[in-house]
Amino acid sequence: MVARRLSSPLRVASAAFAVLCAPQALAAGWHYYDPECPIALGGSKTMKFVAMQPKKNIDRVCDVLPDTGATVIALDAPDAELREMNWDIRVIRDSEAAGAGEPSEADTVLRLPSQKYRNGMVNFDVNIAGPGKYSLYARLSSDDGAKEFVGRHHFTVGLLDNTELYAYIFFAGLVAAVGGRFAYLRLRKESAATTKS
């Protein structure tokens, strides 16, 4: 009887949790297999960004990496013009002083050798040692330097974002409410049984 009473509120609570958290979860890249994470390069040019931590989970994310450590970043630029350009790709620490200009070497975590990626794709490993805010910096330039496209993609590593925090608080409140209701019904049943005897 109690199991039946309890299972219905749990099902409703689980469904409510899923509905409330699904849009934020997708936005944060949780359990979303192939996210669309465009990096604006100026004009109508974009490239796609995705990051993974295959030693920890199979999720591909846009902007919230849950843990520090070994990370794989993949970039994809389907535009034919971009494939003929030299790619300067860096992973940098996002700092207040960094600004929007050329990143400093002090903020650079990893820099790939500048070269052309004629298939329009590159993936690489980076070990991100400390939690914090990071950016992928991409500067694509023509051979003669006459044309250039620059973009940044911001992401966090090892930080609890507000969406996760709210989800944990909601879930803790839900567990407390269901547990409290269960304890209340049980005490009421026991007191009724004691009164009858």
N, C-alpha and C. Protein backbone atom coordinates (compact mmCIF):
# COMPACT_ATOMS: atom_id res chain seq x y z
N MET A 1 0.82 -1.20 0.00
CA MET A 1 0.00 0.00 0.00
C MET A 1 0.87 1.27 0.00
N VAL A 2 1.84 1.28 0.93
CA VAL A 2 2.74 2.45 1.00
C VAL A 2 3.57 2.56 -0.27
N ALA A 3 4.02 1.40 -0.79
CA ALA A 3 4.82 1.41 -2.01
C ALA A 3 4.04 2.01 -3.16
N ARG A 4 2.72 1.67 -3.24
CA ARG A 4 1.90 2.21 -4.32
C ARG A 4 1.71 3.71 -4.15
N ARG A 5 1.45 4.14 -2.91
CA ARG A 5 1.28 5.57 -2.63
C ARG A 5 2.55 6.35 -2.95
N LEU A 6 3.68 5.77 -2.61
CA LEU A 6 4.97 6.45 -2.79
C LEU A 6 5.40 6.49 -4.25
N SER A 7 5.11 5.42 -5.00
CA SER A 7 5.59 5.36 -6.38
C SER A 7 4.94 6.42 -7.25
N SER A 8 3.67 6.73 -7.01
CA SER A 8 2.99 7.73 -7.82
C SER A 8 3.61 9.13 -7.64
N PRO A 9 3.82 9.61 -6.39
CA PRO A 9 4.48 10.92 -6.24
C PRO A 9 5.89 10.93 -6.80
N LEU A 10 6.60 9.80 -6.68
CA LEU A 10 7.96 9.75 -7.22
C LEU A 10 7.95 9.87 -8.73
N ARG A 11 6.99 9.20 -9.37
CA ARG A 11 6.89 9.31 -10.83
C ARG A 11 6.58 10.74 -11.26
N VAL A 12 5.65 11.37 -10.57
CA VAL A 12 5.28 12.75 -10.89
C VAL A 12 6.47 13.68 -10.67
N ALA A 13 7.17 13.48 -9.54
CA ALA A 13 8.33 14.33 -9.23
C ALA A 13 9.44 14.15 -10.26
N SER A 14 9.68 12.89 -10.67
CA SER A 14 10.71 12.63 -11.67
C SER A 14 10.37 13.29 -12.99
N ALA A 15 9.10 13.20 -13.39
CA ALA A 15 8.68 13.82 -14.64
C ALA A 15 8.83 15.34 -14.57
N ALA A 16 8.44 15.92 -13.40
CA ALA A 16 8.57 17.37 -13.23
C ALA A 16 10.03 17.79 -13.30
N PHE A 17 10.89 17.02 -12.65
CA PHE A 17 12.33 17.30 -12.67
C PHE A 17 12.86 17.28 -14.10
N ALA A 18 12.46 16.27 -14.87
CA ALA A 18 12.92 16.15 -16.26
C ALA A 18 12.46 17.33 -17.10
N VAL A 19 11.18 17.73 -16.93
CA VAL A 19 10.63 18.83 -17.72
C VAL A 19 11.31 20.15 -17.36
N LEU A 20 11.52 20.38 -16.05
CA LEU A 20 12.13 21.64 -15.62
C LEU A 20 13.58 21.75 -16.01
N CYS A 21 14.30 20.63 -15.96
CA CYS A 21 15.75 20.70 -16.17
C CYS A 21 16.19 20.38 -17.59
N ALA A 22 15.33 19.83 -18.43
CA ALA A 22 15.76 19.41 -19.76
C ALA A 22 16.30 20.54 -20.62
N PRO A 23 15.60 21.70 -20.72
CA PRO A 23 16.15 22.76 -21.57
C PRO A 23 17.51 23.26 -21.09
N GLN A 24 17.65 23.44 -19.77
CA GLN A 24 18.93 23.90 -19.24
C GLN A 24 19.99 22.84 -19.44
N ALA A 25 19.61 21.58 -19.28
CA ALA A 25 20.58 20.50 -19.45
C ALA A 25 21.09 20.46 -20.88
N LEU A 26 20.19 20.64 -21.85
CA LEU A 26 20.63 20.64 -23.24
C LEU A 26 21.51 21.85 -23.52
N ALA A 27 21.15 22.98 -22.92
CA ALA A 27 21.96 24.18 -23.14
C ALA A 27 23.36 24.00 -22.57
N ALA A 28 23.46 23.30 -21.47
CA ALA A 28 24.77 23.10 -20.86
C ALA A 28 25.52 21.95 -21.49
N GLY A 29 24.86 21.22 -22.38
CA GLY A 29 25.54 20.13 -23.06
C GLY A 29 25.45 18.79 -22.33
N TRP A 30 24.59 18.65 -21.33
CA TRP A 30 24.48 17.41 -20.59
C TRP A 30 23.87 16.31 -21.46
N HIS A 31 24.53 15.20 -21.56
CA HIS A 31 24.01 14.00 -22.22
C HIS A 31 23.41 14.29 -23.59
N TYR A 32 23.96 15.22 -24.27
CA TYR A 32 23.49 15.59 -25.60
C TYR A 32 24.58 15.18 -26.56
N TYR A 33 24.31 14.19 -27.40
CA TYR A 33 25.38 13.50 -28.10
C TYR A 33 26.13 14.36 -29.10
N ASP A 34 25.43 15.15 -29.89
CA ASP A 34 26.13 15.92 -30.93
C ASP A 34 25.65 17.37 -30.92
N PRO A 35 26.13 18.17 -29.97
CA PRO A 35 25.61 19.53 -29.84
C PRO A 35 26.07 20.43 -30.99
N GLU A 36 25.25 21.41 -31.27
CA GLU A 36 25.60 22.44 -32.24
C GLU A 36 26.24 23.58 -31.47
N CYS A 37 27.53 23.75 -31.63
CA CYS A 37 28.26 24.78 -30.88
C CYS A 37 29.03 25.66 -31.86
N PRO A 38 28.35 26.59 -32.52
CA PRO A 38 29.05 27.39 -33.52
C PRO A 38 29.96 28.45 -32.90
N ILE A 39 31.08 28.68 -33.54
CA ILE A 39 31.97 29.78 -33.19
C ILE A 39 31.86 30.80 -34.32
N ALA A 40 31.39 32.00 -34.00
CA ALA A 40 31.28 33.06 -35.01
C ALA A 40 32.67 33.60 -35.32
N LEU A 41 33.01 33.61 -36.61
CA LEU A 41 34.34 34.06 -37.03
C LEU A 41 34.29 35.42 -37.72
N GLY A 42 33.13 36.00 -37.82
CA GLY A 42 32.98 37.27 -38.53
C GLY A 42 32.33 37.05 -39.88
N GLY A 43 31.57 38.03 -40.31
CA GLY A 43 30.81 37.85 -41.55
C GLY A 43 29.80 36.74 -41.36
N SER A 44 29.71 35.87 -42.34
CA SER A 44 28.80 34.72 -42.22
C SER A 44 29.58 33.44 -41.91
N LYS A 45 30.84 33.57 -41.58
CA LYS A 45 31.70 32.40 -41.37
C LYS A 45 31.58 31.87 -39.94
N THR A 46 31.47 30.56 -39.84
CA THR A 46 31.44 29.91 -38.52
C THR A 46 32.19 28.58 -38.60
N MET A 47 32.57 28.09 -37.45
CA MET A 47 33.06 26.72 -37.34
C MET A 47 32.39 26.11 -36.11
N LYS A 48 32.34 24.80 -36.07
CA LYS A 48 31.70 24.12 -34.94
C LYS A 48 32.74 23.63 -33.94
N PHE A 49 32.37 23.71 -32.68
CA PHE A 49 33.22 23.31 -31.57
C PHE A 49 32.51 22.20 -30.79
N VAL A 50 33.26 21.21 -30.35
CA VAL A 50 32.72 20.21 -29.43
C VAL A 50 33.88 19.71 -28.57
N ALA A 51 33.59 19.44 -27.30
CA ALA A 51 34.62 18.96 -26.38
C ALA A 51 34.14 17.68 -25.70
N MET A 52 35.08 16.79 -25.42
CA MET A 52 34.76 15.51 -24.78
C MET A 52 35.84 15.17 -23.77
N GLN A 53 35.46 14.38 -22.78
CA GLN A 53 36.42 13.83 -21.83
C GLN A 53 36.20 12.32 -21.80
N PRO A 54 36.70 11.61 -22.83
CA PRO A 54 36.36 10.20 -23.02
C PRO A 54 36.78 9.27 -21.88
N LYS A 55 37.76 9.66 -21.08
CA LYS A 55 38.16 8.81 -19.96
C LYS A 55 37.16 8.90 -18.81
N LYS A 56 36.29 9.92 -18.85
CA LYS A 56 35.36 10.13 -17.74
C LYS A 56 33.91 9.85 -18.12
N ASN A 57 33.50 10.20 -19.34
CA ASN A 57 32.14 9.92 -19.81
C ASN A 57 32.10 10.06 -21.33
N ILE A 58 30.93 9.77 -21.90
CA ILE A 58 30.81 9.82 -23.36
C ILE A 58 30.11 11.08 -23.86
N ASP A 59 29.84 12.01 -22.95
CA ASP A 59 29.12 13.23 -23.34
C ASP A 59 29.99 14.13 -24.20
N ARG A 60 29.34 14.75 -25.17
CA ARG A 60 29.98 15.81 -25.96
C ARG A 60 29.34 17.10 -25.52
N VAL A 61 30.14 18.10 -25.22
CA VAL A 61 29.58 19.32 -24.64
C VAL A 61 30.02 20.57 -25.40
N CYS A 62 29.24 21.63 -25.20
CA CYS A 62 29.56 22.93 -25.80
C CYS A 62 30.36 23.81 -24.87
N ASP A 63 29.85 23.96 -23.65
CA ASP A 63 30.44 25.01 -22.82
C ASP A 63 30.65 24.67 -21.35
N VAL A 64 30.30 23.47 -20.91
CA VAL A 64 30.49 23.12 -19.50
C VAL A 64 31.13 21.74 -19.41
N LEU A 65 32.45 21.71 -19.19
CA LEU A 65 33.15 20.45 -18.96
C LEU A 65 33.15 20.19 -17.46
N PRO A 66 32.63 19.05 -17.02
CA PRO A 66 32.45 18.84 -15.58
C PRO A 66 33.74 18.67 -14.80
N ASP A 67 34.80 18.15 -15.43
CA ASP A 67 36.02 17.83 -14.70
C ASP A 67 37.25 18.39 -15.41
N THR A 68 38.33 18.51 -14.65
CA THR A 68 39.61 18.87 -15.23
C THR A 68 40.25 17.59 -15.79
N GLY A 69 41.37 17.74 -16.46
CA GLY A 69 42.09 16.57 -16.96
C GLY A 69 42.08 16.47 -18.47
N ALA A 70 42.31 15.24 -18.95
CA ALA A 70 42.42 14.99 -20.38
C ALA A 70 41.12 15.31 -21.10
N THR A 71 41.24 16.15 -22.12
CA THR A 71 40.07 16.61 -22.88
C THR A 71 40.41 16.55 -24.37
N VAL A 72 39.42 16.18 -25.16
CA VAL A 72 39.56 16.19 -26.61
C VAL A 72 38.66 17.29 -27.15
N ILE A 73 39.22 18.16 -27.97
CA ILE A 73 38.46 19.23 -28.61
C ILE A 73 38.46 18.98 -30.11
N ALA A 74 37.29 19.09 -30.72
CA ALA A 74 37.17 18.90 -32.17
C ALA A 74 36.57 20.17 -32.78
N LEU A 75 37.12 20.57 -33.92
CA LEU A 75 36.63 21.73 -34.66
C LEU A 75 36.29 21.29 -36.08
N ASP A 76 35.24 21.88 -36.62
CA ASP A 76 34.78 21.53 -37.96
C ASP A 76 34.38 22.81 -38.68
N ALA A 77 34.99 23.06 -39.84
CA ALA A 77 34.67 24.23 -40.65
C ALA A 77 34.31 23.75 -42.05
N PRO A 78 33.02 23.62 -42.36
CA PRO A 78 32.63 23.09 -43.66
C PRO A 78 32.84 24.05 -44.83
N ASP A 79 33.07 25.33 -44.54
CA ASP A 79 33.22 26.35 -45.58
C ASP A 79 34.52 26.13 -46.36
N ALA A 80 34.43 26.06 -47.69
CA ALA A 80 35.59 25.79 -48.55
C ALA A 80 36.68 26.86 -48.42
N GLU A 81 36.29 28.12 -48.25
CA GLU A 81 37.28 29.20 -48.12
C GLU A 81 38.12 29.01 -46.85
N LEU A 82 37.49 28.61 -45.77
CA LEU A 82 38.21 28.43 -44.50
C LEU A 82 39.21 27.28 -44.59
N ARG A 83 38.91 26.30 -45.43
CA ARG A 83 39.82 25.15 -45.57
C ARG A 83 41.12 25.52 -46.26
N GLU A 84 41.11 26.64 -46.98
CA GLU A 84 42.32 27.09 -47.68
C GLU A 84 43.12 28.10 -46.86
N MET A 85 42.69 28.35 -45.64
CA MET A 85 43.37 29.33 -44.80
C MET A 85 44.26 28.65 -43.78
N ASN A 86 45.17 29.43 -43.20
CA ASN A 86 46.04 28.94 -42.13
C ASN A 86 45.31 29.11 -40.80
N TRP A 87 45.24 28.03 -40.03
CA TRP A 87 44.51 28.03 -38.76
C TRP A 87 45.49 28.20 -37.60
N ASP A 88 45.28 29.23 -36.80
CA ASP A 88 46.01 29.41 -35.55
C ASP A 88 45.00 29.10 -34.44
N ILE A 89 45.15 27.96 -33.79
CA ILE A 89 44.19 27.47 -32.79
C ILE A 89 44.87 27.43 -31.43
N ARG A 90 44.22 28.02 -30.42
CA ARG A 90 44.76 28.02 -29.07
C ARG A 90 43.66 27.76 -28.04
N VAL A 91 44.02 27.12 -26.95
CA VAL A 91 43.17 27.04 -25.78
C VAL A 91 43.80 27.99 -24.77
N ILE A 92 42.99 28.95 -24.29
CA ILE A 92 43.53 29.97 -23.39
C ILE A 92 42.69 30.09 -22.13
N ARG A 93 43.32 30.59 -21.07
CA ARG A 93 42.58 30.91 -19.85
C ARG A 93 41.83 32.20 -20.08
N ASP A 94 40.56 32.21 -19.69
CA ASP A 94 39.76 33.42 -19.78
C ASP A 94 40.05 34.27 -18.56
N SER A 95 40.69 35.39 -18.74
CA SER A 95 40.95 36.28 -17.62
C SER A 95 40.38 37.65 -17.94
N GLU A 96 40.14 38.43 -16.89
CA GLU A 96 39.60 39.78 -17.06
C GLU A 96 40.53 40.62 -17.94
N ALA A 97 41.83 40.42 -17.75
CA ALA A 97 42.82 41.23 -18.48
C ALA A 97 42.96 40.81 -19.93
N ALA A 98 42.49 39.59 -20.26
CA ALA A 98 42.70 39.06 -21.61
C ALA A 98 42.06 39.94 -22.68
N GLY A 99 40.84 40.41 -22.44
CA GLY A 99 40.17 41.26 -23.42
C GLY A 99 39.85 40.52 -24.70
N ALA A 100 39.60 41.27 -25.77
CA ALA A 100 39.18 40.65 -27.02
C ALA A 100 40.32 40.57 -28.04
N GLY A 101 41.48 41.10 -27.72
CA GLY A 101 42.58 41.10 -28.68
C GLY A 101 43.33 39.78 -28.74
N GLU A 102 44.54 39.86 -29.24
CA GLU A 102 45.41 38.69 -29.35
C GLU A 102 45.72 38.15 -27.95
N PRO A 103 45.51 36.84 -27.71
CA PRO A 103 45.80 36.30 -26.38
C PRO A 103 47.30 36.31 -26.08
N SER A 104 47.64 36.48 -24.82
CA SER A 104 49.05 36.47 -24.43
C SER A 104 49.53 35.03 -24.27
N GLU A 105 50.82 34.85 -24.39
CA GLU A 105 51.41 33.52 -24.21
C GLU A 105 51.21 33.03 -22.78
N ALA A 106 51.16 33.96 -21.81
CA ALA A 106 50.97 33.58 -20.41
C ALA A 106 49.61 32.93 -20.18
N ASP A 107 48.61 33.33 -20.97
CA ASP A 107 47.27 32.76 -20.83
C ASP A 107 47.07 31.50 -21.67
N THR A 108 48.03 31.17 -22.52
CA THR A 108 47.88 30.05 -23.45
C THR A 108 48.16 28.72 -22.76
N VAL A 109 47.18 27.82 -22.82
CA VAL A 109 47.32 26.47 -22.27
C VAL A 109 47.89 25.54 -23.33
N LEU A 110 47.42 25.71 -24.57
CA LEU A 110 47.88 24.88 -25.69
C LEU A 110 47.76 25.69 -26.98
N ARG A 111 48.76 25.57 -27.84
CA ARG A 111 48.72 26.22 -29.15
C ARG A 111 49.14 25.21 -30.20
N LEU A 112 48.28 25.02 -31.19
CA LEU A 112 48.62 24.13 -32.30
C LEU A 112 49.49 24.88 -33.30
N PRO A 113 50.38 24.18 -33.98
CA PRO A 113 51.16 24.84 -35.04
C PRO A 113 50.21 25.38 -36.11
N SER A 114 50.46 26.60 -36.56
CA SER A 114 49.60 27.20 -37.58
C SER A 114 49.76 26.43 -38.90
N GLN A 115 48.64 25.96 -39.42
CA GLN A 115 48.67 25.21 -40.68
C GLN A 115 47.27 25.15 -41.29
N LYS A 116 47.20 24.63 -42.52
CA LYS A 116 45.92 24.46 -43.20
C LYS A 116 45.35 23.09 -42.87
N TYR A 117 44.05 23.05 -42.71
CA TYR A 117 43.33 21.78 -42.51
C TYR A 117 42.35 21.65 -43.67
N ARG A 118 42.85 21.07 -44.75
CA ARG A 118 42.07 21.05 -46.00
C ARG A 118 40.81 20.21 -45.92
N ASN A 119 40.74 19.31 -44.94
CA ASN A 119 39.48 18.56 -44.77
C ASN A 119 38.50 19.33 -43.90
N GLY A 120 38.92 20.49 -43.39
CA GLY A 120 38.03 21.35 -42.60
C GLY A 120 37.85 20.90 -41.17
N MET A 121 38.64 19.93 -40.72
CA MET A 121 38.46 19.42 -39.36
C MET A 121 39.81 19.24 -38.68
N VAL A 122 39.78 19.43 -37.36
CA VAL A 122 40.95 19.12 -36.54
C VAL A 122 40.44 18.71 -35.16
N ASN A 123 41.07 17.69 -34.59
CA ASN A 123 40.80 17.38 -33.19
C ASN A 123 42.13 17.19 -32.50
N PHE A 124 42.16 17.55 -31.23
CA PHE A 124 43.41 17.50 -30.49
C PHE A 124 43.14 17.28 -29.01
N ASP A 125 44.16 16.76 -28.34
CA ASP A 125 44.09 16.52 -26.90
C ASP A 125 44.70 17.70 -26.16
N VAL A 126 44.07 18.04 -25.04
CA VAL A 126 44.62 19.07 -24.16
C VAL A 126 44.37 18.62 -22.73
N ASN A 127 45.37 18.80 -21.88
CA ASN A 127 45.22 18.47 -20.47
C ASN A 127 44.96 19.78 -19.72
N ILE A 128 43.74 19.93 -19.23
CA ILE A 128 43.38 21.15 -18.51
C ILE A 128 43.51 20.86 -17.02
N ALA A 129 44.56 21.41 -16.43
CA ALA A 129 44.94 21.04 -15.07
C ALA A 129 44.06 21.67 -13.98
N GLY A 130 43.66 22.92 -14.17
CA GLY A 130 42.93 23.60 -13.10
C GLY A 130 41.53 23.99 -13.50
N PRO A 131 40.60 23.98 -12.54
CA PRO A 131 39.24 24.44 -12.85
C PRO A 131 39.22 25.93 -13.15
N GLY A 132 38.29 26.35 -13.98
CA GLY A 132 38.18 27.77 -14.28
C GLY A 132 37.49 28.02 -15.60
N LYS A 133 37.61 29.26 -16.07
CA LYS A 133 37.02 29.68 -17.34
C LYS A 133 38.10 29.65 -18.41
N TYR A 134 37.75 29.10 -19.57
CA TYR A 134 38.69 28.97 -20.68
C TYR A 134 38.02 29.43 -21.97
N SER A 135 38.83 29.60 -23.00
CA SER A 135 38.33 29.93 -24.34
C SER A 135 39.11 29.15 -25.38
N LEU A 136 38.42 28.83 -26.45
CA LEU A 136 39.12 28.37 -27.64
C LEU A 136 39.24 29.61 -28.53
N TYR A 137 40.46 29.93 -28.93
CA TYR A 137 40.73 31.08 -29.78
C TYR A 137 41.10 30.54 -31.16
N ALA A 138 40.40 31.02 -32.19
CA ALA A 138 40.68 30.59 -33.56
C ALA A 138 40.91 31.81 -34.44
N ARG A 139 42.08 31.84 -35.09
CA ARG A 139 42.38 32.91 -36.06
C ARG A 139 42.74 32.24 -37.37
N LEU A 140 41.92 32.46 -38.39
CA LEU A 140 42.15 31.87 -39.71
C LEU A 140 42.53 32.98 -40.66
N SER A 141 43.67 32.81 -41.36
CA SER A 141 44.14 33.88 -42.25
C SER A 141 44.56 33.31 -43.59
N SER A 142 44.41 34.15 -44.62
CA SER A 142 44.83 33.75 -45.96
C SER A 142 46.35 33.79 -46.05
N ASP A 143 46.91 33.15 -47.08
CA ASP A 143 48.36 33.09 -47.25
C ASP A 143 49.00 34.47 -47.34
N ASP A 144 48.31 35.40 -48.01
CA ASP A 144 48.88 36.74 -48.17
C ASP A 144 48.54 37.67 -46.99
N GLY A 145 47.75 37.17 -46.04
CA GLY A 145 47.38 37.96 -44.86
C GLY A 145 46.31 39.01 -45.13
N ALA A 146 45.77 39.03 -46.35
CA ALA A 146 44.77 40.05 -46.70
C ALA A 146 43.42 39.78 -46.03
N LYS A 147 43.13 38.52 -45.78
CA LYS A 147 41.83 38.17 -45.20
C LYS A 147 42.06 37.40 -43.91
N GLU A 148 41.25 37.72 -42.90
CA GLU A 148 41.40 37.07 -41.60
C GLU A 148 40.05 36.94 -40.92
N PHE A 149 39.83 35.82 -40.26
CA PHE A 149 38.63 35.59 -39.47
C PHE A 149 39.07 35.16 -38.07
N VAL A 150 38.46 35.79 -37.06
CA VAL A 150 38.83 35.50 -35.67
C VAL A 150 37.57 35.20 -34.87
N GLY A 151 37.65 34.16 -34.03
CA GLY A 151 36.53 33.83 -33.16
C GLY A 151 37.00 33.23 -31.85
N ARG A 152 36.13 33.32 -30.85
CA ARG A 152 36.39 32.72 -29.53
C ARG A 152 35.17 31.94 -29.10
N HIS A 153 35.44 30.85 -28.42
CA HIS A 153 34.35 30.07 -27.83
C HIS A 153 34.69 29.88 -26.35
N HIS A 154 33.84 30.41 -25.47
CA HIS A 154 34.07 30.34 -24.03
C HIS A 154 33.50 29.06 -23.45
N PHE A 155 34.22 28.46 -22.52
CA PHE A 155 33.71 27.27 -21.81
C PHE A 155 34.33 27.22 -20.42
N THR A 156 33.68 26.46 -19.55
CA THR A 156 34.20 26.30 -18.19
C THR A 156 34.64 24.86 -17.98
N VAL A 157 35.57 24.68 -17.06
CA VAL A 157 36.09 23.35 -16.74
C VAL A 157 36.08 23.18 -15.22
N GLY A 158 35.43 22.11 -14.77
CA GLY A 158 35.46 21.76 -13.35
C GLY A 158 34.72 22.72 -12.44
N LEU A 159 33.83 23.53 -12.98
CA LEU A 159 33.04 24.45 -12.17
C LEU A 159 31.59 24.01 -12.15
N LEU A 160 30.94 24.20 -11.03
CA LEU A 160 29.51 23.89 -10.92
C LEU A 160 28.77 25.11 -11.42
N ASP A 161 28.02 24.97 -12.51
CA ASP A 161 27.30 26.14 -13.02
C ASP A 161 25.96 26.26 -12.31
N ASN A 162 25.29 27.40 -12.48
CA ASN A 162 24.04 27.66 -11.77
C ASN A 162 22.96 26.64 -12.09
N THR A 163 22.92 26.17 -13.33
CA THR A 163 21.90 25.19 -13.71
C THR A 163 22.06 23.92 -12.88
N GLU A 164 23.31 23.45 -12.77
CA GLU A 164 23.55 22.25 -11.97
C GLU A 164 23.21 22.49 -10.51
N LEU A 165 23.59 23.65 -9.98
CA LEU A 165 23.32 23.97 -8.59
C LEU A 165 21.82 23.95 -8.32
N TYR A 166 21.04 24.61 -9.19
CA TYR A 166 19.59 24.63 -9.01
C TYR A 166 19.00 23.24 -9.13
N ALA A 167 19.53 22.44 -10.04
CA ALA A 167 19.03 21.07 -10.19
C ALA A 167 19.28 20.26 -8.93
N TYR A 168 20.48 20.40 -8.34
CA TYR A 168 20.80 19.68 -7.10
C TYR A 168 19.90 20.14 -5.95
N ILE A 169 19.68 21.44 -5.85
CA ILE A 169 18.82 21.97 -4.78
C ILE A 169 17.40 21.46 -4.96
N PHE A 170 16.89 21.49 -6.20
CA PHE A 170 15.54 21.00 -6.48
C PHE A 170 15.42 19.53 -6.12
N PHE A 171 16.41 18.74 -6.54
CA PHE A 171 16.36 17.30 -6.26
C PHE A 171 16.43 17.03 -4.76
N ALA A 172 17.28 17.75 -4.03
CA ALA A 172 17.37 17.58 -2.58
C ALA A 172 16.05 17.94 -1.91
N GLY A 173 15.43 19.03 -2.36
CA GLY A 173 14.12 19.42 -1.82
C GLY A 173 13.05 18.38 -2.11
N LEU A 174 13.12 17.82 -3.31
CA LEU A 174 12.16 16.79 -3.70
C LEU A 174 12.30 15.54 -2.82
N VAL A 175 13.54 15.11 -2.62
CA VAL A 175 13.79 13.93 -1.77
C VAL A 175 13.32 14.21 -0.35
N ALA A 176 13.60 15.42 0.16
CA ALA A 176 13.17 15.77 1.53
C ALA A 176 11.65 15.77 1.63
N ALA A 177 10.96 16.31 0.62
CA ALA A 177 9.49 16.36 0.65
C ALA A 177 8.88 14.96 0.60
N VAL A 178 9.38 14.12 -0.30
CA VAL A 178 8.85 12.75 -0.42
C VAL A 178 9.17 11.96 0.85
N GLY A 179 10.39 12.11 1.38
CA GLY A 179 10.76 11.41 2.61
C GLY A 179 9.93 11.88 3.79
N GLY A 180 9.69 13.20 3.88
CA GLY A 180 8.86 13.75 4.96
C GLY A 180 7.44 13.25 4.88
N ARG A 181 6.91 13.21 3.69
CA ARG A 181 5.53 12.71 3.49
C ARG A 181 5.44 11.24 3.90
N PHE A 182 6.42 10.45 3.49
CA PHE A 182 6.45 9.02 3.83
C PHE A 182 6.53 8.84 5.35
N ALA A 183 7.41 9.60 6.02
CA ALA A 183 7.56 9.50 7.47
C ALA A 183 6.28 9.92 8.18
N TYR A 184 5.62 10.99 7.68
CA TYR A 184 4.37 11.47 8.28
C TYR A 184 3.28 10.40 8.18
N LEU A 185 3.13 9.80 7.00
CA LEU A 185 2.10 8.76 6.83
C LEU A 185 2.38 7.55 7.71
N ARG A 186 3.63 7.19 7.84
CA ARG A 186 3.98 6.03 8.67
C ARG A 186 3.70 6.30 10.16
N LEU A 187 4.08 7.50 10.64
CA LEU A 187 3.81 7.86 12.03
C LEU A 187 2.31 7.92 12.31
N ARG A 188 1.58 8.45 11.36
CA ARG A 188 0.12 8.54 11.53
C ARG A 188 -0.50 7.16 11.60
N LYS A 189 -0.03 6.25 10.75
CA LYS A 189 -0.53 4.87 10.74
C LYS A 189 -0.20 4.17 12.06
N GLU A 190 1.05 4.37 12.54
CA GLU A 190 1.47 3.75 13.81
C GLU A 190 0.68 4.30 14.99
N SER A 191 0.43 5.62 14.99
CA SER A 191 -0.33 6.21 16.11
C SER A 191 -1.78 5.74 16.08
N ALA A 192 -2.34 5.55 14.86
CA ALA A 192 -3.71 5.03 14.76
C ALA A 192 -3.77 3.60 15.26
N ALA A 193 -2.73 2.80 14.93
CA ALA A 193 -2.69 1.40 15.40
C ALA A 193 -2.54 1.36 16.92
N THR A 194 -1.76 2.26 17.51
CA THR A 194 -1.56 2.31 18.97
C THR A 194 -2.83 2.74 19.67
N THR A 195 -3.59 3.68 19.10
CA THR A 195 -4.84 4.16 19.68
C THR A 195 -5.90 3.04 19.71
N LYS A 196 -5.94 2.23 18.67
CA LYS A 196 -6.91 1.13 18.60
C LYS A 196 -6.60 0.05 19.63
N SER A 197 -5.33 -0.19 19.93
CA SER A 197 -5.00 -1.24 20.89
C SER A 197 -4.98 -0.66 22.28
